[in-house]
Amino acid sequence: MKFNWLMVIPLALTVGFFGVAAYQLSNNQNALQQGVDTQALPSAQQGRAAPDLSLQPLADTALLTRADLEGNGLVVVNFFASWCPPCRAEHPTLTAMAEAGVPLYGVNYRDRIDQALSFLGELGNPYDRIGRDEQARNGADWGVVAMPETFFIDDTGTVVLHFRGPVTERAVRNQIRPALAEAGHDLPLLPGEAAGTN
């Protein structure tokens, strides 16, 4: 019986396909373990002027306006909600940023006033200014797709980094600080963070 090499081609292609898929999956898992989001959506805002803000006040907290985003060095705008578990997870890191002197502004997104105030009462309020985006109109203008989302804005009001997901210590170390450095900006060391641990 004569051997037909054409019958080997489908087997070779199948083995090759699964080999490449396994290799890619392994690389993605390694990146995720290091705190790198391999499936991050590109931001339409990054590199552009921060959009306008038309927010409602949250009780007696100072109201965030678009004017606050210019002339204050590197500022952080964090979209958060009380109903968002990752927002709770990132809260200690945001508090550390505020304690390190980073101007931190909050946009309470599609939330009830009483629940937002309860969330901040329980975890503390690290925000210098807050506004409510009850109808998600500002979130749509800013390109927000899921909670939490954080924008790092330079002195001119330009978005230098749009970070999707919780701002954790690992995210600061492995993603945010390197991305800001690449854009020419420094993030101060956070309380408890040792120099040279990037």
C-alpha atoms as a PDB file:
ATOM      1  CA  MET A   1       0.000   0.000   0.000  1.00  0.00           C
ATOM      2  CA  LYS A   2       1.331   3.384  -1.005  1.00  0.00           C
ATOM      3  CA  PHE A   3       1.490   6.139   1.701  1.00  0.00           C
ATOM      4  CA  ASN A   4      -0.335   9.364   0.740  1.00  0.00           C
ATOM      5  CA  TRP A   5       1.386  12.412   2.254  1.00  0.00           C
ATOM      6  CA  LEU A   6      -1.680  14.561   1.597  1.00  0.00           C
ATOM      7  CA  MET A   7      -3.442  12.745   4.427  1.00  0.00           C
ATOM      8  CA  VAL A   8      -0.819  14.026   6.889  1.00  0.00           C
ATOM      9  CA  ILE A   9      -1.429  17.705   6.066  1.00  0.00           C
ATOM     10  CA  PRO A  10      -4.753  18.049   7.986  1.00  0.00           C
ATOM     11  CA  LEU A  11      -3.217  16.354  11.019  1.00  0.00           C
ATOM     12  CA  ALA A  12      -0.142  18.614  10.880  1.00  0.00           C
ATOM     13  CA  LEU A  13      -2.311  21.745  10.553  1.00  0.00           C
ATOM     14  CA  THR A  14      -4.487  20.689  13.491  1.00  0.00           C
ATOM     15  CA  VAL A  15      -1.474  19.977  15.718  1.00  0.00           C
ATOM     16  CA  GLY A  16       0.091  23.289  14.651  1.00  0.00           C
ATOM     17  CA  PHE A  17      -3.080  25.249  15.377  1.00  0.00           C
ATOM     18  CA  PHE A  18      -3.455  23.802  18.877  1.00  0.00           C
ATOM     19  CA  GLY A  19       0.260  24.318  19.535  1.00  0.00           C
ATOM     20  CA  VAL A  20       0.023  28.030  18.688  1.00  0.00           C
ATOM     21  CA  ALA A  21      -3.179  28.369  20.750  1.00  0.00           C
ATOM     22  CA  ALA A  22      -1.551  26.722  23.782  1.00  0.00           C
ATOM     23  CA  TYR A  23       1.520  28.956  23.457  1.00  0.00           C
ATOM     24  CA  GLN A  24      -0.644  32.116  23.260  1.00  0.00           C
ATOM     25  CA  LEU A  25      -2.776  31.039  26.212  1.00  0.00           C
ATOM     26  CA  SER A  26       0.367  30.401  28.256  1.00  0.00           C
ATOM     27  CA  ASN A  27       1.725  33.871  27.432  1.00  0.00           C
ATOM     28  CA  ASN A  28      -1.587  35.511  28.365  1.00  0.00           C
ATOM     29  CA  GLN A  29      -1.701  33.658  31.697  1.00  0.00           C
ATOM     30  CA  ASN A  30       1.869  34.725  32.512  1.00  0.00           C
ATOM     31  CA  ALA A  31       1.030  38.353  31.667  1.00  0.00           C
ATOM     32  CA  LEU A  32      -2.118  38.269  33.803  1.00  0.00           C
ATOM     33  CA  GLN A  33      -0.145  36.891  36.749  1.00  0.00           C
ATOM     34  CA  GLN A  34       2.163  39.904  36.456  1.00  0.00           C
ATOM     35  CA  GLY A  35      -0.804  42.290  36.508  1.00  0.00           C
ATOM     36  CA  VAL A  36      -0.901  43.058  32.784  1.00  0.00           C
ATOM     37  CA  ASP A  37      -4.359  43.121  31.214  1.00  0.00           C
ATOM     38  CA  THR A  38      -3.822  41.438  27.868  1.00  0.00           C
ATOM     39  CA  GLN A  39      -7.381  42.145  26.768  1.00  0.00           C
ATOM     40  CA  ALA A  40      -7.551  45.877  27.497  1.00  0.00           C
ATOM     41  CA  LEU A  41      -9.699  47.940  25.194  1.00  0.00           C
ATOM     42  CA  PRO A  42      -7.969  50.827  23.447  1.00  0.00           C
ATOM     43  CA  SER A  43      -9.036  54.250  24.680  1.00  0.00           C
ATOM     44  CA  ALA A  44     -10.403  56.895  22.359  1.00  0.00           C
ATOM     45  CA  GLN A  45      -9.600  59.544  25.003  1.00  0.00           C
ATOM     46  CA  GLN A  46      -5.918  58.849  25.568  1.00  0.00           C
ATOM     47  CA  GLY A  47      -3.817  61.641  24.050  1.00  0.00           C
ATOM     48  CA  ARG A  48      -6.809  63.974  23.724  1.00  0.00           C
ATOM     49  CA  ALA A  49      -8.175  66.797  25.832  1.00  0.00           C
ATOM     50  CA  ALA A  50     -10.344  65.499  28.650  1.00  0.00           C
ATOM     51  CA  PRO A  51     -14.046  65.876  27.752  1.00  0.00           C
ATOM     52  CA  ASP A  52     -16.326  68.336  29.481  1.00  0.00           C
ATOM     53  CA  LEU A  53     -17.973  67.428  32.761  1.00  0.00           C
ATOM     54  CA  SER A  54     -21.564  68.219  33.627  1.00  0.00           C
ATOM     55  CA  LEU A  55     -22.037  66.599  37.024  1.00  0.00           C
ATOM     56  CA  GLN A  56     -24.499  66.913  39.875  1.00  0.00           C
ATOM     57  CA  PRO A  57     -23.274  67.439  43.449  1.00  0.00           C
ATOM     58  CA  LEU A  58     -23.055  64.540  45.894  1.00  0.00           C
ATOM     59  CA  ALA A  59     -24.510  65.914  49.128  1.00  0.00           C
ATOM     60  CA  ASP A  60     -22.129  68.515  50.580  1.00  0.00           C
ATOM     61  CA  THR A  61     -18.916  67.318  48.891  1.00  0.00           C
ATOM     62  CA  ALA A  62     -17.024  69.801  46.715  1.00  0.00           C
ATOM     63  CA  LEU A  63     -18.294  69.527  43.114  1.00  0.00           C
ATOM     64  CA  LEU A  64     -15.882  68.393  40.396  1.00  0.00           C
ATOM     65  CA  THR A  65     -15.801  70.586  37.270  1.00  0.00           C
ATOM     66  CA  ARG A  66     -13.798  70.494  34.051  1.00  0.00           C
ATOM     67  CA  ALA A  67     -11.770  73.508  35.256  1.00  0.00           C
ATOM     68  CA  ASP A  68     -10.302  71.347  38.054  1.00  0.00           C
ATOM     69  CA  LEU A  69      -8.530  69.205  35.457  1.00  0.00           C
ATOM     70  CA  GLU A  70      -6.091  71.893  34.308  1.00  0.00           C
ATOM     71  CA  GLY A  71      -3.271  73.669  36.087  1.00  0.00           C
ATOM     72  CA  ASN A  72      -2.972  71.165  38.957  1.00  0.00           C
ATOM     73  CA  GLY A  73      -0.181  68.928  37.679  1.00  0.00           C
ATOM     74  CA  LEU A  74      -1.026  65.277  37.112  1.00  0.00           C
ATOM     75  CA  VAL A  75      -4.568  64.636  38.358  1.00  0.00           C
ATOM     76  CA  VAL A  76      -6.603  61.457  38.586  1.00  0.00           C
ATOM     77  CA  VAL A  77     -10.300  61.127  37.701  1.00  0.00           C
ATOM     78  CA  ASN A  78     -11.832  57.898  38.968  1.00  0.00           C
ATOM     79  CA  PHE A  79     -15.277  56.693  37.835  1.00  0.00           C
ATOM     80  CA  PHE A  80     -16.683  54.559  40.671  1.00  0.00           C
ATOM     81  CA  ALA A  81     -19.936  53.190  42.079  1.00  0.00           C
ATOM     82  CA  SER A  82     -21.064  51.654  45.352  1.00  0.00           C
ATOM     83  CA  TRP A  83     -22.502  48.631  43.493  1.00  0.00           C
ATOM     84  CA  CYS A  84     -19.100  47.823  41.948  1.00  0.00           C
ATOM     85  CA  PRO A  85     -17.023  45.185  43.829  1.00  0.00           C
ATOM     86  CA  PRO A  86     -13.753  46.119  42.031  1.00  0.00           C
ATOM     87  CA  CYS A  87     -14.312  49.726  43.165  1.00  0.00           C
ATOM     88  CA  ARG A  88     -14.206  48.496  46.741  1.00  0.00           C
ATOM     89  CA  ALA A  89     -11.003  46.529  45.961  1.00  0.00           C
ATOM     90  CA  GLU A  90      -9.223  49.577  44.533  1.00  0.00           C
ATOM     91  CA  HIS A  91     -10.263  51.967  47.309  1.00  0.00           C
ATOM     92  CA  PRO A  92      -7.189  51.416  49.550  1.00  0.00           C
ATOM     93  CA  THR A  93      -4.840  52.166  46.648  1.00  0.00           C
ATOM     94  CA  LEU A  94      -6.771  55.294  45.695  1.00  0.00           C
ATOM     95  CA  THR A  95      -6.638  56.392  49.322  1.00  0.00           C
ATOM     96  CA  ALA A  96      -2.857  55.856  49.292  1.00  0.00           C
ATOM     97  CA  MET A  97      -2.594  57.976  46.125  1.00  0.00           C
ATOM     98  CA  ALA A  98      -4.496  60.797  47.797  1.00  0.00           C
ATOM     99  CA  GLU A  99      -2.298  60.493  50.907  1.00  0.00           C
ATOM    100  CA  ALA A 100       0.770  60.739  48.637  1.00  0.00           C
ATOM    101  CA  GLY A 101      -0.503  64.109  47.409  1.00  0.00           C
ATOM    102  CA  VAL A 102      -1.983  63.105  44.045  1.00  0.00           C
ATOM    103  CA  PRO A 103      -5.059  65.243  43.279  1.00  0.00           C
ATOM    104  CA  LEU A 104      -7.851  62.653  43.155  1.00  0.00           C
ATOM    105  CA  TYR A 105     -11.300  63.379  41.773  1.00  0.00           C
ATOM    106  CA  GLY A 106     -14.271  61.042  41.764  1.00  0.00           C
ATOM    107  CA  VAL A 107     -17.224  60.597  39.434  1.00  0.00           C
ATOM    108  CA  ASN A 108     -19.964  58.587  41.111  1.00  0.00           C
ATOM    109  CA  TYR A 109     -21.472  56.633  38.228  1.00  0.00           C
ATOM    110  CA  ARG A 110     -25.130  55.556  37.973  1.00  0.00           C
ATOM    111  CA  ASP A 111     -25.513  55.296  41.710  1.00  0.00           C
ATOM    112  CA  ARG A 112     -28.039  56.231  44.359  1.00  0.00           C
ATOM    113  CA  ILE A 113     -26.999  59.118  46.586  1.00  0.00           C
ATOM    114  CA  ASP A 114     -27.609  57.220  49.830  1.00  0.00           C
ATOM    115  CA  GLN A 115     -25.592  54.216  48.657  1.00  0.00           C
ATOM    116  CA  ALA A 116     -22.721  56.391  47.398  1.00  0.00           C
ATOM    117  CA  LEU A 117     -22.570  58.234  50.724  1.00  0.00           C
ATOM    118  CA  SER A 118     -22.713  54.935  52.628  1.00  0.00           C
ATOM    119  CA  PHE A 119     -19.844  53.553  50.480  1.00  0.00           C
ATOM    120  CA  LEU A 120     -17.680  56.615  51.200  1.00  0.00           C
ATOM    121  CA  GLY A 121     -18.723  56.649  54.853  1.00  0.00           C
ATOM    122  CA  GLU A 122     -17.648  53.039  55.287  1.00  0.00           C
ATOM    123  CA  LEU A 123     -14.381  53.141  53.316  1.00  0.00           C
ATOM    124  CA  GLY A 124     -13.463  56.812  53.690  1.00  0.00           C
ATOM    125  CA  ASN A 125     -13.548  59.606  51.143  1.00  0.00           C
ATOM    126  CA  PRO A 126     -10.169  60.023  49.419  1.00  0.00           C
ATOM    127  CA  TYR A 127     -11.548  62.390  46.743  1.00  0.00           C
ATOM    128  CA  ASP A 128     -10.729  66.099  46.682  1.00  0.00           C
ATOM    129  CA  ARG A 129     -13.864  66.712  44.608  1.00  0.00           C
ATOM    130  CA  ILE A 130     -16.754  64.499  43.507  1.00  0.00           C
ATOM    131  CA  GLY A 131     -19.601  64.746  41.048  1.00  0.00           C
ATOM    132  CA  ARG A 132     -22.530  62.456  40.295  1.00  0.00           C
ATOM    133  CA  ASP A 133     -23.136  61.045  36.823  1.00  0.00           C
ATOM    134  CA  GLU A 134     -26.544  59.568  37.526  1.00  0.00           C
ATOM    135  CA  GLN A 135     -27.602  59.222  33.866  1.00  0.00           C
ATOM    136  CA  ALA A 136     -24.130  58.117  32.623  1.00  0.00           C
ATOM    137  CA  ARG A 137     -23.948  60.986  30.118  1.00  0.00           C
ATOM    138  CA  ASN A 138     -20.458  62.005  31.235  1.00  0.00           C
ATOM    139  CA  GLY A 139     -19.338  58.382  31.232  1.00  0.00           C
ATOM    140  CA  ALA A 140     -20.465  58.065  27.616  1.00  0.00           C
ATOM    141  CA  ASP A 141     -18.526  61.210  26.662  1.00  0.00           C
ATOM    142  CA  TRP A 142     -15.420  59.883  28.417  1.00  0.00           C
ATOM    143  CA  GLY A 143     -15.657  56.416  26.843  1.00  0.00           C
ATOM    144  CA  VAL A 144     -16.452  54.589  30.082  1.00  0.00           C
ATOM    145  CA  VAL A 145     -17.597  51.022  29.466  1.00  0.00           C
ATOM    146  CA  ALA A 146     -17.321  49.316  32.876  1.00  0.00           C
ATOM    147  CA  MET A 147     -16.588  50.173  36.485  1.00  0.00           C
ATOM    148  CA  PRO A 148     -14.080  51.227  37.634  1.00  0.00           C
ATOM    149  CA  GLU A 149     -12.251  53.359  35.088  1.00  0.00           C
ATOM    150  CA  THR A 150      -9.538  55.877  35.879  1.00  0.00           C
ATOM    151  CA  PHE A 151      -8.065  58.720  33.848  1.00  0.00           C
ATOM    152  CA  PHE A 152      -4.664  60.307  34.467  1.00  0.00           C
ATOM    153  CA  ILE A 153      -4.712  63.878  33.163  1.00  0.00           C
ATOM    154  CA  ASP A 154      -1.751  66.234  32.761  1.00  0.00           C
ATOM    155  CA  ASP A 155      -1.472  69.935  33.596  1.00  0.00           C
ATOM    156  CA  THR A 156      -2.911  70.948  30.211  1.00  0.00           C
ATOM    157  CA  GLY A 157      -6.043  68.820  30.634  1.00  0.00           C
ATOM    158  CA  THR A 158      -4.872  66.063  28.279  1.00  0.00           C
ATOM    159  CA  VAL A 159      -5.618  62.427  29.106  1.00  0.00           C
ATOM    160  CA  VAL A 160      -2.207  60.721  29.301  1.00  0.00           C
ATOM    161  CA  LEU A 161      -3.542  57.369  30.511  1.00  0.00           C
ATOM    162  CA  HIS A 162      -6.978  55.767  30.557  1.00  0.00           C
ATOM    163  CA  PHE A 163      -6.878  52.743  32.848  1.00  0.00           C
ATOM    164  CA  ARG A 164      -9.753  50.270  32.824  1.00  0.00           C
ATOM    165  CA  GLY A 165     -10.174  48.071  35.877  1.00  0.00           C
ATOM    166  CA  PRO A 166      -9.298  48.402  39.543  1.00  0.00           C
ATOM    167  CA  VAL A 167      -6.291  50.529  40.459  1.00  0.00           C
ATOM    168  CA  THR A 168      -4.532  48.040  42.743  1.00  0.00           C
ATOM    169  CA  GLU A 169      -0.960  48.160  44.048  1.00  0.00           C
ATOM    170  CA  ARG A 170       0.034  45.580  41.438  1.00  0.00           C
ATOM    171  CA  ALA A 171      -1.645  47.569  38.652  1.00  0.00           C
ATOM    172  CA  VAL A 172       0.200  50.715  39.788  1.00  0.00           C
ATOM    173  CA  ARG A 173       3.527  48.868  39.855  1.00  0.00           C
ATOM    174  CA  ASN A 174       3.186  46.844  36.623  1.00  0.00           C
ATOM    175  CA  GLN A 175       0.973  48.969  34.391  1.00  0.00           C
ATOM    176  CA  ILE A 176       0.193  52.497  35.535  1.00  0.00           C
ATOM    177  CA  ARG A 177       3.603  53.715  36.713  1.00  0.00           C
ATOM    178  CA  PRO A 178       5.423  52.387  33.573  1.00  0.00           C
ATOM    179  CA  ALA A 179       2.772  53.860  31.243  1.00  0.00           C
ATOM    180  CA  LEU A 180       2.963  57.244  32.972  1.00  0.00           C
ATOM    181  CA  ALA A 181       6.777  57.176  32.852  1.00  0.00           C
ATOM    182  CA  GLU A 182       6.622  56.429  29.131  1.00  0.00           C
ATOM    183  CA  ALA A 183       4.365  59.481  28.733  1.00  0.00           C
ATOM    184  CA  GLY A 184       6.850  61.595  30.724  1.00  0.00           C
ATOM    185  CA  HIS A 185       4.999  61.723  34.045  1.00  0.00           C
ATOM    186  CA  ASP A 186       5.869  60.550  37.538  1.00  0.00           C
ATOM    187  CA  LEU A 187       3.537  59.144  40.117  1.00  0.00           C
ATOM    188  CA  PRO A 188       4.785  59.731  43.674  1.00  0.00           C
ATOM    189  CA  LEU A 189       5.594  56.704  45.795  1.00  0.00           C
ATOM    190  CA  LEU A 190       2.555  55.545  47.695  1.00  0.00           C
ATOM    191  CA  PRO A 191       2.639  55.118  51.466  1.00  0.00           C
ATOM    192  CA  GLY A 192       4.215  51.740  52.227  1.00  0.00           C
ATOM    193  CA  GLU A 193       5.794  51.482  48.766  1.00  0.00           C
ATOM    194  CA  ALA A 194       9.573  51.168  48.765  1.00  0.00           C
ATOM    195  CA  ALA A 195      11.735  53.038  46.259  1.00  0.00           C
ATOM    196  CA  GLY A 196      12.911  50.853  43.395  1.00  0.00           C
ATOM    197  CA  THR A 197      10.031  48.349  43.574  1.00  0.00           C
ATOM    198  CA  ASN A 198       8.719  49.106  40.106  1.00  0.00           C
END
